[in-house]
C-alpha atoms as a PDB file:
ATOM      1  CA  MET A   1     328.561 279.071 -10.164  1.00  0.00           C
ATOM      2  CA  SER A   2     325.245 280.622 -11.190  1.00  0.00           C
ATOM      3  CA  GLU A   3     326.757 281.748 -14.512  1.00  0.00           C
ATOM      4  CA  ASN A   4     327.456 278.119 -15.374  1.00  0.00           C
ATOM      5  CA  ILE A   5     323.987 276.964 -14.372  1.00  0.00           C
ATOM      6  CA  MET A   6     321.964 279.559 -16.315  1.00  0.00           C
ATOM      7  CA  PRO A   7     322.821 278.373 -19.839  1.00  0.00           C
ATOM      8  CA  ALA A   8     321.829 274.824 -18.946  1.00  0.00           C
ATOM      9  CA  GLU A   9     318.570 276.087 -17.468  1.00  0.00           C
ATOM     10  CA  LYS A  10     317.820 278.117 -20.596  1.00  0.00           C
ATOM     11  CA  LEU A  11     318.617 275.141 -22.805  1.00  0.00           C
ATOM     12  CA  GLN A  12     316.271 272.942 -20.800  1.00  0.00           C
ATOM     13  CA  GLU A  13     313.561 275.609 -20.985  1.00  0.00           C
ATOM     14  CA  THR A  14     313.942 275.770 -24.773  1.00  0.00           C
ATOM     15  CA  MET A  15     313.738 271.988 -25.070  1.00  0.00           C
ATOM     16  CA  ASP A  16     310.602 271.969 -22.901  1.00  0.00           C
ATOM     17  CA  LYS A  17     308.967 274.534 -25.180  1.00  0.00           C
ATOM     18  CA  GLU A  18     309.870 272.735 -28.424  1.00  0.00           C
ATOM     19  CA  PRO A  19     307.159 270.011 -28.238  1.00  0.00           C
ATOM     20  CA  GLY A  20     304.613 272.757 -27.571  1.00  0.00           C
ATOM     21  CA  ARG A  21     305.739 274.632 -30.683  1.00  0.00           C
ATOM     22  CA  VAL A  22     305.427 271.497 -32.794  1.00  0.00           C
ATOM     23  CA  GLN A  23     301.950 270.801 -31.440  1.00  0.00           C
ATOM     24  CA  GLU A  24     300.923 274.397 -32.103  1.00  0.00           C
ATOM     25  CA  ALA A  25     302.217 274.195 -35.674  1.00  0.00           C
ATOM     26  CA  LEU A  26     300.338 270.940 -36.282  1.00  0.00           C
ATOM     27  CA  HIS A  27     297.216 272.490 -34.787  1.00  0.00           C
ATOM     28  CA  GLN A  28     297.505 275.418 -37.187  1.00  0.00           C
ATOM     29  CA  LEU A  29     297.913 272.984 -40.076  1.00  0.00           C
ATOM     30  CA  ARG A  30     294.839 270.973 -39.057  1.00  0.00           C
ATOM     31  CA  LYS A  31     292.789 274.168 -38.953  1.00  0.00           C
ATOM     32  CA  ASN A  32     293.697 274.932 -42.563  1.00  0.00           C
ATOM     33  CA  LYS A  33     291.279 272.858 -44.631  1.00  0.00           C
ATOM     34  CA  GLY A  34     292.966 273.855 -47.861  1.00  0.00           C
ATOM     35  CA  ALA A  35     296.331 272.583 -46.620  1.00  0.00           C
ATOM     36  CA  ILE A  36     294.771 269.292 -45.512  1.00  0.00           C
ATOM     37  CA  ALA A  37     293.109 268.906 -48.915  1.00  0.00           C
ATOM     38  CA  GLY A  38     296.426 269.617 -50.627  1.00  0.00           C
ATOM     39  CA  LEU A  39     298.242 267.111 -48.421  1.00  0.00           C
ATOM     40  CA  VAL A  40     295.634 264.429 -49.203  1.00  0.00           C
ATOM     41  CA  ILE A  41     296.026 265.074 -52.942  1.00  0.00           C
ATOM     42  CA  ILE A  42     299.822 264.867 -52.682  1.00  0.00           C
ATOM     43  CA  ILE A  43     299.684 261.606 -50.715  1.00  0.00           C
ATOM     44  CA  LEU A  44     297.254 260.086 -53.223  1.00  0.00           C
ATOM     45  CA  PHE A  45     299.491 261.000 -56.157  1.00  0.00           C
ATOM     46  CA  LEU A  46     302.603 259.729 -54.373  1.00  0.00           C
ATOM     47  CA  MET A  47     300.932 256.424 -53.471  1.00  0.00           C
ATOM     48  CA  THR A  48     299.633 256.076 -57.026  1.00  0.00           C
ATOM     49  CA  ALA A  49     303.124 256.729 -58.404  1.00  0.00           C
ATOM     50  CA  LEU A  50     304.741 254.201 -56.063  1.00  0.00           C
ATOM     51  CA  LEU A  51     302.124 251.523 -56.744  1.00  0.00           C
ATOM     52  CA  ALA A  52     301.776 252.199 -60.486  1.00  0.00           C
ATOM     53  CA  PRO A  53     302.817 248.665 -61.572  1.00  0.00           C
ATOM     54  CA  VAL A  54     300.240 247.197 -59.183  1.00  0.00           C
ATOM     55  CA  ILE A  55     297.205 249.418 -59.730  1.00  0.00           C
ATOM     56  CA  ALA A  56     297.574 250.218 -63.449  1.00  0.00           C
ATOM     57  CA  PRO A  57     295.125 247.917 -65.286  1.00  0.00           C
ATOM     58  CA  HIS A  58     297.197 247.750 -68.489  1.00  0.00           C
ATOM     59  CA  ASP A  59     300.689 248.297 -69.834  1.00  0.00           C
ATOM     60  CA  PRO A  60     300.865 252.042 -70.629  1.00  0.00           C
ATOM     61  CA  LEU A  61     302.720 251.325 -73.884  1.00  0.00           C
ATOM     62  CA  GLU A  62     300.512 248.452 -75.088  1.00  0.00           C
ATOM     63  CA  GLN A  63     298.614 249.342 -78.254  1.00  0.00           C
ATOM     64  CA  ASN A  64     295.256 247.996 -79.378  1.00  0.00           C
ATOM     65  CA  ILE A  65     294.451 249.639 -82.679  1.00  0.00           C
ATOM     66  CA  SER A  66     290.967 248.085 -82.777  1.00  0.00           C
ATOM     67  CA  LEU A  67     290.063 250.137 -79.686  1.00  0.00           C
ATOM     68  CA  ARG A  68     291.730 253.412 -80.656  1.00  0.00           C
ATOM     69  CA  LYS A  69     289.894 256.485 -79.350  1.00  0.00           C
ATOM     70  CA  SER A  70     287.477 254.284 -77.425  1.00  0.00           C
ATOM     71  CA  ALA A  71     285.204 256.228 -75.084  1.00  0.00           C
ATOM     72  CA  PRO A  72     285.430 255.814 -71.297  1.00  0.00           C
ATOM     73  CA  LEU A  73     284.048 252.551 -69.853  1.00  0.00           C
ATOM     74  CA  THR A  74     284.652 250.703 -73.118  1.00  0.00           C
ATOM     75  CA  GLU A  75     286.168 247.194 -73.095  1.00  0.00           C
ATOM     76  CA  GLY A  76     287.561 247.618 -69.589  1.00  0.00           C
ATOM     77  CA  TYR A  77     289.170 250.974 -70.395  1.00  0.00           C
ATOM     78  CA  ILE A  78     287.817 253.071 -67.516  1.00  0.00           C
ATOM     79  CA  LEU A  79     288.946 256.429 -68.935  1.00  0.00           C
ATOM     80  CA  GLY A  80     288.940 255.289 -72.540  1.00  0.00           C
ATOM     81  CA  ALA A  81     291.826 254.801 -74.977  1.00  0.00           C
ATOM     82  CA  ASP A  82     294.032 257.238 -76.872  1.00  0.00           C
ATOM     83  CA  ASP A  83     294.555 257.505 -80.627  1.00  0.00           C
ATOM     84  CA  LEU A  84     296.793 254.411 -80.622  1.00  0.00           C
ATOM     85  CA  GLY A  85     294.499 252.289 -78.463  1.00  0.00           C
ATOM     86  CA  ARG A  86     296.563 252.629 -75.267  1.00  0.00           C
ATOM     87  CA  ASP A  87     294.734 252.613 -71.945  1.00  0.00           C
ATOM     88  CA  LEU A  88     294.390 256.229 -70.828  1.00  0.00           C
ATOM     89  CA  LEU A  89     294.093 255.461 -67.113  1.00  0.00           C
ATOM     90  CA  SER A  90     297.305 253.418 -67.102  1.00  0.00           C
ATOM     91  CA  ARG A  91     299.182 256.151 -68.954  1.00  0.00           C
ATOM     92  CA  ILE A  92     297.939 258.801 -66.502  1.00  0.00           C
ATOM     93  CA  ILE A  93     299.008 256.653 -63.544  1.00  0.00           C
ATOM     94  CA  TYR A  94     302.508 256.148 -64.948  1.00  0.00           C
ATOM     95  CA  GLY A  95     302.571 259.801 -65.983  1.00  0.00           C
ATOM     96  CA  GLY A  96     302.055 260.694 -62.330  1.00  0.00           C
ATOM     97  CA  ARG A  97     305.195 258.762 -61.441  1.00  0.00           C
ATOM     98  CA  ILE A  98     307.179 260.719 -64.028  1.00  0.00           C
ATOM     99  CA  SER A  99     305.727 264.054 -62.882  1.00  0.00           C
ATOM    100  CA  MET A 100     306.550 263.370 -59.221  1.00  0.00           C
ATOM    101  CA  ILE A 101     310.135 262.478 -60.167  1.00  0.00           C
ATOM    102  CA  ILE A 102     310.445 265.622 -62.278  1.00  0.00           C
ATOM    103  CA  GLY A 103     309.139 267.794 -59.452  1.00  0.00           C
ATOM    104  CA  VAL A 104     311.385 266.321 -56.762  1.00  0.00           C
ATOM    105  CA  VAL A 105     314.560 266.174 -58.882  1.00  0.00           C
ATOM    106  CA  SER A 106     314.124 269.683 -60.301  1.00  0.00           C
ATOM    107  CA  VAL A 107     313.503 271.219 -56.887  1.00  0.00           C
ATOM    108  CA  GLY A 108     316.393 269.177 -55.476  1.00  0.00           C
ATOM    109  CA  ILE A 109     318.762 270.685 -58.037  1.00  0.00           C
ATOM    110  CA  ALA A 110     317.501 274.192 -57.304  1.00  0.00           C
ATOM    111  CA  LEU A 111     317.729 273.643 -53.535  1.00  0.00           C
ATOM    112  CA  VAL A 112     321.284 272.325 -53.502  1.00  0.00           C
ATOM    113  CA  PHE A 113     322.766 275.067 -55.648  1.00  0.00           C
ATOM    114  CA  GLY A 114     320.443 277.820 -54.442  1.00  0.00           C
ATOM    115  CA  ILE A 115     321.175 277.170 -50.766  1.00  0.00           C
ATOM    116  CA  LEU A 116     324.920 276.804 -51.329  1.00  0.00           C
ATOM    117  CA  ILE A 117     325.235 279.992 -53.380  1.00  0.00           C
ATOM    118  CA  GLY A 118     322.826 281.970 -51.191  1.00  0.00           C
ATOM    119  CA  VAL A 119     324.519 281.050 -47.907  1.00  0.00           C
ATOM    120  CA  ILE A 120     328.024 281.833 -49.168  1.00  0.00           C
ATOM    121  CA  SER A 121     326.939 285.085 -50.846  1.00  0.00           C
ATOM    122  CA  GLY A 122     324.975 286.342 -47.851  1.00  0.00           C
ATOM    123  CA  TYR A 123     327.581 285.338 -45.261  1.00  0.00           C
ATOM    124  CA  TYR A 124     330.684 286.780 -46.919  1.00  0.00           C
ATOM    125  CA  GLY A 125     329.062 289.732 -48.683  1.00  0.00           C
ATOM    126  CA  GLY A 126     331.359 292.254 -50.338  1.00  0.00           C
ATOM    127  CA  TRP A 127     332.512 291.833 -53.925  1.00  0.00           C
ATOM    128  CA  LEU A 128     331.496 288.176 -53.991  1.00  0.00           C
ATOM    129  CA  ASP A 129     327.922 289.052 -53.070  1.00  0.00           C
ATOM    130  CA  ARG A 130     327.788 291.794 -55.691  1.00  0.00           C
ATOM    131  CA  ILE A 131     328.972 289.476 -58.457  1.00  0.00           C
ATOM    132  CA  VAL A 132     326.563 286.707 -57.459  1.00  0.00           C
ATOM    133  CA  MET A 133     323.571 289.034 -57.258  1.00  0.00           C
ATOM    134  CA  ARG A 134     324.329 290.621 -60.634  1.00  0.00           C
ATOM    135  CA  LEU A 135     324.404 287.144 -62.198  1.00  0.00           C
ATOM    136  CA  ILE A 136     321.122 286.303 -60.451  1.00  0.00           C
ATOM    137  CA  ASP A 137     319.602 289.556 -61.713  1.00  0.00           C
ATOM    138  CA  ILE A 138     320.593 288.611 -65.261  1.00  0.00           C
ATOM    139  CA  MET A 139     318.882 285.231 -64.886  1.00  0.00           C
ATOM    140  CA  LEU A 140     315.773 286.870 -63.430  1.00  0.00           C
ATOM    141  CA  ALA A 141     315.654 289.291 -66.345  1.00  0.00           C
ATOM    142  CA  PHE A 142     314.515 286.377 -68.508  1.00  0.00           C
ATOM    143  CA  PRO A 143     310.942 285.118 -68.059  1.00  0.00           C
ATOM    144  CA  TYR A 144     311.004 281.804 -66.209  1.00  0.00           C
ATOM    145  CA  VAL A 145     309.479 279.765 -69.045  1.00  0.00           C
ATOM    146  CA  LEU A 146     311.687 281.399 -71.684  1.00  0.00           C
ATOM    147  CA  LEU A 147     314.825 280.702 -69.660  1.00  0.00           C
ATOM    148  CA  THR A 148     313.797 277.064 -69.253  1.00  0.00           C
ATOM    149  CA  ILE A 149     313.124 276.706 -72.979  1.00  0.00           C
ATOM    150  CA  VAL A 150     316.514 278.253 -73.840  1.00  0.00           C
ATOM    151  CA  ILE A 151     318.364 275.864 -71.521  1.00  0.00           C
ATOM    152  CA  VAL A 152     316.530 272.815 -72.903  1.00  0.00           C
ATOM    153  CA  ALA A 153     317.204 273.984 -76.453  1.00  0.00           C
ATOM    154  CA  ILE A 154     320.915 274.184 -75.632  1.00  0.00           C
ATOM    155  CA  LEU A 155     321.046 270.804 -73.849  1.00  0.00           C
ATOM    156  CA  GLY A 156     318.699 269.021 -76.262  1.00  0.00           C
ATOM    157  CA  PRO A 157     315.102 267.814 -75.863  1.00  0.00           C
ATOM    158  CA  SER A 158     314.786 265.004 -73.304  1.00  0.00           C
ATOM    159  CA  LEU A 159     313.192 264.308 -69.947  1.00  0.00           C
ATOM    160  CA  THR A 160     316.520 264.488 -68.111  1.00  0.00           C
ATOM    161  CA  ASN A 161     317.493 267.772 -69.712  1.00  0.00           C
ATOM    162  CA  ALA A 162     314.041 269.170 -68.929  1.00  0.00           C
ATOM    163  CA  MET A 163     314.576 268.415 -65.216  1.00  0.00           C
ATOM    164  CA  ILE A 164     318.006 270.058 -65.310  1.00  0.00           C
ATOM    165  CA  ALA A 165     316.620 273.118 -67.106  1.00  0.00           C
ATOM    166  CA  ILE A 166     313.729 273.523 -64.657  1.00  0.00           C
ATOM    167  CA  GLY A 167     316.099 273.133 -61.718  1.00  0.00           C
ATOM    168  CA  ILE A 168     318.531 275.750 -63.081  1.00  0.00           C
ATOM    169  CA  SER A 169     315.675 278.161 -63.784  1.00  0.00           C
ATOM    170  CA  GLN A 170     314.475 277.906 -60.174  1.00  0.00           C
ATOM    171  CA  ILE A 171     317.910 278.515 -58.615  1.00  0.00           C
ATOM    172  CA  PRO A 172     317.603 282.357 -58.518  1.00  0.00           C
ATOM    173  CA  GLN A 173     314.479 282.143 -56.327  1.00  0.00           C
ATOM    174  CA  TYR A 174     316.313 280.149 -53.670  1.00  0.00           C
ATOM    175  CA  VAL A 175     319.516 282.200 -53.887  1.00  0.00           C
ATOM    176  CA  ARG A 176     317.674 285.455 -53.176  1.00  0.00           C
ATOM    177  CA  MET A 177     315.577 283.917 -50.413  1.00  0.00           C
ATOM    178  CA  VAL A 178     318.493 282.219 -48.652  1.00  0.00           C
ATOM    179  CA  ARG A 179     320.736 285.270 -49.026  1.00  0.00           C
ATOM    180  CA  ALA A 180     318.103 287.534 -47.447  1.00  0.00           C
ATOM    181  CA  SER A 181     317.636 285.141 -44.530  1.00  0.00           C
ATOM    182  CA  VAL A 182     321.392 284.800 -43.988  1.00  0.00           C
ATOM    183  CA  LEU A 183     321.857 288.586 -44.010  1.00  0.00           C
ATOM    184  CA  ALA A 184     319.219 288.853 -41.287  1.00  0.00           C
ATOM    185  CA  GLU A 185     320.692 286.025 -39.184  1.00  0.00           C
ATOM    186  CA  LYS A 186     324.449 286.489 -39.451  1.00  0.00           C
ATOM    187  CA  GLU A 187     324.504 289.501 -37.117  1.00  0.00           C
ATOM    188  CA  ALA A 188     322.383 287.805 -34.464  1.00  0.00           C
ATOM    189  CA  ASP A 189     323.755 287.429 -30.932  1.00  0.00           C
ATOM    190  CA  TYR A 190     323.992 283.636 -31.115  1.00  0.00           C
ATOM    191  CA  VAL A 191     326.201 283.863 -34.229  1.00  0.00           C
ATOM    192  CA  THR A 192     328.443 286.428 -32.545  1.00  0.00           C
ATOM    193  CA  ALA A 193     328.696 284.217 -29.458  1.00  0.00           C
ATOM    194  CA  GLU A 194     329.626 281.113 -31.462  1.00  0.00           C
ATOM    195  CA  ARG A 195     332.183 283.075 -33.481  1.00  0.00           C
ATOM    196  CA  SER A 196     333.808 284.277 -30.269  1.00  0.00           C
ATOM    197  CA  LEU A 197     334.020 280.653 -29.127  1.00  0.00           C
ATOM    198  CA  GLY A 198     336.046 279.764 -32.212  1.00  0.00           C
ATOM    199  CA  ALA A 199     333.421 278.334 -34.550  1.00  0.00           C
ATOM    200  CA  SER A 200     334.593 278.184 -38.167  1.00  0.00           C
ATOM    201  CA  ASP A 201     332.816 279.876 -41.061  1.00  0.00           C
ATOM    202  CA  LEU A 202     331.477 276.528 -42.332  1.00  0.00           C
ATOM    203  CA  GLU A 203     330.073 275.690 -38.908  1.00  0.00           C
ATOM    204  CA  LEU A 204     328.444 279.090 -38.601  1.00  0.00           C
ATOM    205  CA  MET A 205     326.966 278.976 -42.101  1.00  0.00           C
ATOM    206  CA  PHE A 206     325.596 275.451 -42.227  1.00  0.00           C
ATOM    207  CA  ARG A 207     325.191 274.424 -38.589  1.00  0.00           C
ATOM    208  CA  SER A 208     324.035 277.659 -36.973  1.00  0.00           C
ATOM    209  CA  ILE A 209     322.566 280.028 -39.571  1.00  0.00           C
ATOM    210  CA  LEU A 210     321.067 277.724 -42.211  1.00  0.00           C
ATOM    211  CA  PRO A 211     318.711 275.793 -39.851  1.00  0.00           C
ATOM    212  CA  ASN A 212     317.097 279.118 -38.912  1.00  0.00           C
ATOM    213  CA  CYS A 213     316.417 279.842 -42.599  1.00  0.00           C
ATOM    214  CA  LEU A 214     314.610 276.592 -43.393  1.00  0.00           C
ATOM    215  CA  ALA A 215     311.029 277.791 -42.849  1.00  0.00           C
ATOM    216  CA  PRO A 216     310.739 279.975 -45.989  1.00  0.00           C
ATOM    217  CA  ILE A 217     312.863 277.520 -47.966  1.00  0.00           C
ATOM    218  CA  SER A 218     310.515 274.613 -47.181  1.00  0.00           C
ATOM    219  CA  VAL A 219     307.497 276.653 -48.279  1.00  0.00           C
ATOM    220  CA  GLN A 220     309.157 277.670 -51.545  1.00  0.00           C
ATOM    221  CA  ALA A 221     310.284 274.093 -52.192  1.00  0.00           C
ATOM    222  CA  THR A 222     306.721 272.789 -51.779  1.00  0.00           C
ATOM    223  CA  LEU A 223     305.367 275.395 -54.176  1.00  0.00           C
ATOM    224  CA  GLY A 224     308.331 274.750 -56.469  1.00  0.00           C
ATOM    225  CA  VAL A 225     307.369 271.103 -56.971  1.00  0.00           C
ATOM    226  CA  GLY A 226     304.001 272.143 -58.378  1.00  0.00           C
ATOM    227  CA  GLU A 227     305.694 274.757 -60.542  1.00  0.00           C
ATOM    228  CA  ALA A 228     308.155 272.142 -61.837  1.00  0.00           C
ATOM    229  CA  ILE A 229     305.333 269.729 -62.722  1.00  0.00           C
ATOM    230  CA  LEU A 230     303.547 272.459 -64.661  1.00  0.00           C
ATOM    231  CA  SER A 231     306.768 273.518 -66.396  1.00  0.00           C
ATOM    232  CA  SER A 232     307.603 269.951 -67.411  1.00  0.00           C
ATOM    233  CA  ALA A 233     304.126 269.559 -68.887  1.00  0.00           C
ATOM    234  CA  ALA A 234     304.609 272.790 -70.842  1.00  0.00           C
ATOM    235  CA  LEU A 235     308.013 271.667 -72.151  1.00  0.00           C
ATOM    236  CA  SER A 236     306.628 268.294 -73.193  1.00  0.00           C
ATOM    237  CA  PHE A 237     303.706 270.052 -74.884  1.00  0.00           C
ATOM    238  CA  LEU A 238     306.248 272.026 -76.917  1.00  0.00           C
ATOM    239  CA  GLY A 239     308.209 268.865 -77.750  1.00  0.00           C
ATOM    240  CA  LEU A 240     311.188 269.831 -75.569  1.00  0.00           C
ATOM    241  CA  GLY A 241     310.573 267.509 -72.631  1.00  0.00           C
ATOM    242  CA  ALA A 242     309.570 263.858 -72.585  1.00  0.00           C
ATOM    243  CA  GLN A 243     309.628 262.172 -75.973  1.00  0.00           C
ATOM    244  CA  PRO A 244     307.137 259.593 -77.363  1.00  0.00           C
ATOM    245  CA  PRO A 245     306.038 257.042 -76.289  1.00  0.00           C
ATOM    246  CA  THR A 246     306.740 258.174 -72.694  1.00  0.00           C
ATOM    247  CA  PRO A 247     303.457 258.471 -70.742  1.00  0.00           C
ATOM    248  CA  GLU A 248     303.938 262.072 -69.581  1.00  0.00           C
ATOM    249  CA  TRP A 249     300.924 264.327 -69.037  1.00  0.00           C
ATOM    250  CA  GLY A 250     302.089 267.292 -71.128  1.00  0.00           C
ATOM    251  CA  LEU A 251     303.143 265.025 -73.971  1.00  0.00           C
ATOM    252  CA  MET A 252     299.800 263.193 -73.814  1.00  0.00           C
ATOM    253  CA  ILE A 253     297.963 266.503 -74.157  1.00  0.00           C
ATOM    254  CA  ALA A 254     300.204 267.679 -77.000  1.00  0.00           C
ATOM    255  CA  SER A 255     299.912 264.481 -79.003  1.00  0.00           C
ATOM    256  CA  SER A 256     296.114 264.427 -78.678  1.00  0.00           C
ATOM    257  CA  ARG A 257     295.137 268.082 -79.007  1.00  0.00           C
ATOM    258  CA  GLU A 258     293.827 267.527 -82.533  1.00  0.00           C
ATOM    259  CA  PHE A 259     291.190 265.164 -81.113  1.00  0.00           C
ATOM    260  CA  ILE A 260     289.781 267.645 -78.594  1.00  0.00           C
ATOM    261  CA  THR A 261     286.480 267.902 -80.474  1.00  0.00           C
ATOM    262  CA  THR A 262     286.164 264.253 -81.501  1.00  0.00           C
ATOM    263  CA  ALA A 263     287.650 262.434 -78.484  1.00  0.00           C
ATOM    264  CA  TRP A 264     287.647 264.962 -75.662  1.00  0.00           C
ATOM    265  CA  TRP A 265     288.661 262.430 -72.981  1.00  0.00           C
ATOM    266  CA  ILE A 266     292.137 261.922 -74.458  1.00  0.00           C
ATOM    267  CA  VAL A 267     293.030 265.553 -73.732  1.00  0.00           C
ATOM    268  CA  THR A 268     290.792 266.269 -70.752  1.00  0.00           C
ATOM    269  CA  PHE A 269     291.863 263.571 -68.287  1.00  0.00           C
ATOM    270  CA  PRO A 270     295.643 264.232 -68.484  1.00  0.00           C
ATOM    271  CA  GLY A 271     294.849 267.927 -68.105  1.00  0.00           C
ATOM    272  CA  ILE A 272     292.771 267.252 -64.986  1.00  0.00           C
ATOM    273  CA  ALA A 273     295.592 265.138 -63.530  1.00  0.00           C
ATOM    274  CA  THR A 274     298.067 267.994 -64.069  1.00  0.00           C
ATOM    275  CA  LEU A 275     295.637 270.477 -62.535  1.00  0.00           C
ATOM    276  CA  LEU A 276     295.061 268.366 -59.416  1.00  0.00           C
ATOM    277  CA  ALA A 277     298.764 267.670 -58.839  1.00  0.00           C
ATOM    278  CA  VAL A 278     299.745 271.343 -59.098  1.00  0.00           C
ATOM    279  CA  LEU A 279     296.734 272.371 -57.004  1.00  0.00           C
ATOM    280  CA  GLY A 280     297.702 269.897 -54.269  1.00  0.00           C
ATOM    281  CA  PHE A 281     301.224 271.271 -53.902  1.00  0.00           C
ATOM    282  CA  ASN A 282     300.021 274.884 -54.055  1.00  0.00           C
ATOM    283  CA  LEU A 283     297.373 274.336 -51.377  1.00  0.00           C
ATOM    284  CA  PHE A 284     299.802 272.539 -49.084  1.00  0.00           C
ATOM    285  CA  GLY A 285     302.511 275.140 -49.692  1.00  0.00           C
ATOM    286  CA  ASP A 286     300.133 277.960 -48.763  1.00  0.00           C
ATOM    287  CA  GLY A 287     299.097 276.086 -45.624  1.00  0.00           C
ATOM    288  CA  LEU A 288     302.717 275.442 -44.712  1.00  0.00           C
ATOM    289  CA  ARG A 289     303.469 279.140 -45.088  1.00  0.00           C
ATOM    290  CA  ASP A 290     300.562 280.048 -42.803  1.00  0.00           C
ATOM    291  CA  MET A 291     301.717 277.456 -40.279  1.00  0.00           C
ATOM    292  CA  LEU A 292     305.323 278.660 -40.170  1.00  0.00           C
ATOM    293  CA  ASP A 293     304.644 282.412 -40.250  1.00  0.00           C
ATOM    294  CA  PRO A 294     303.160 283.674 -36.956  1.00  0.00           C
ATOM    295  CA  LYS A 295     301.979 286.883 -38.667  1.00  0.00           C
ATOM    296  CA  LEU A 296     299.562 284.863 -40.823  1.00  0.00           C
ATOM    297  CA  ARG A 297     298.030 282.815 -38.016  1.00  0.00           C
ATOM    298  CA  ASP A 298     294.512 283.476 -36.792  1.00  0.00           C
END
């Protein structure tokens, strides 16, 4: 009788401890001022992206040649106008919407395929694992930016292809991370117990093992969004990402770099927006890592 009662008691004890673990994690996050600052920046950019049609003072594509290269605070243009007389603030606001979409979609692609490949490779091992890891090693042999440029060059320059290329280039990071976590978890006692009870491979992989691997994945995904935003700006700067007249930060910098000495605001403000967005995700990602890793706590 006692053997039947003990598991229920242990389960209840675990459930009682769970709220305390959540509160402790949130406490650790609140103590990290950098993470809070990053979270605030992310929320501001997300809200700005969602409310772009409401808060943008002008149409980002509307041209006013008479006001081209107008300085900030001229004729209602708070951040000035670009070389075609388009409101710089409105274009930065709409550019934030595009950058957030690029970051989320690119990381989503990398997560889906990276988790799927990593879980299967780590769980089954053997010849399948060796083949997968050799292919991943080949991908990692190319510098990240170079691999992204090659993929975009093959697919063709466009915003959609840039997101696909960035997502594919990030897949190896998630495959290696997930595989390592699965290798560490698949021999655990709880996996052995569930296997002895008749759990299928799919149930073990995605219901039992994967949830215990989510901590490092969530950290990498947060950092990956910032990396994707920076990569998309670089691709657009090279003419391989967003195409004119799309209000994308990298493209705005590329199309205005010749005016850096005569109209500095056209280049500077999109650059600052890119810097803040990437900084926000990096700060929050670092704080999330500290929160989820007990070894890094104070």
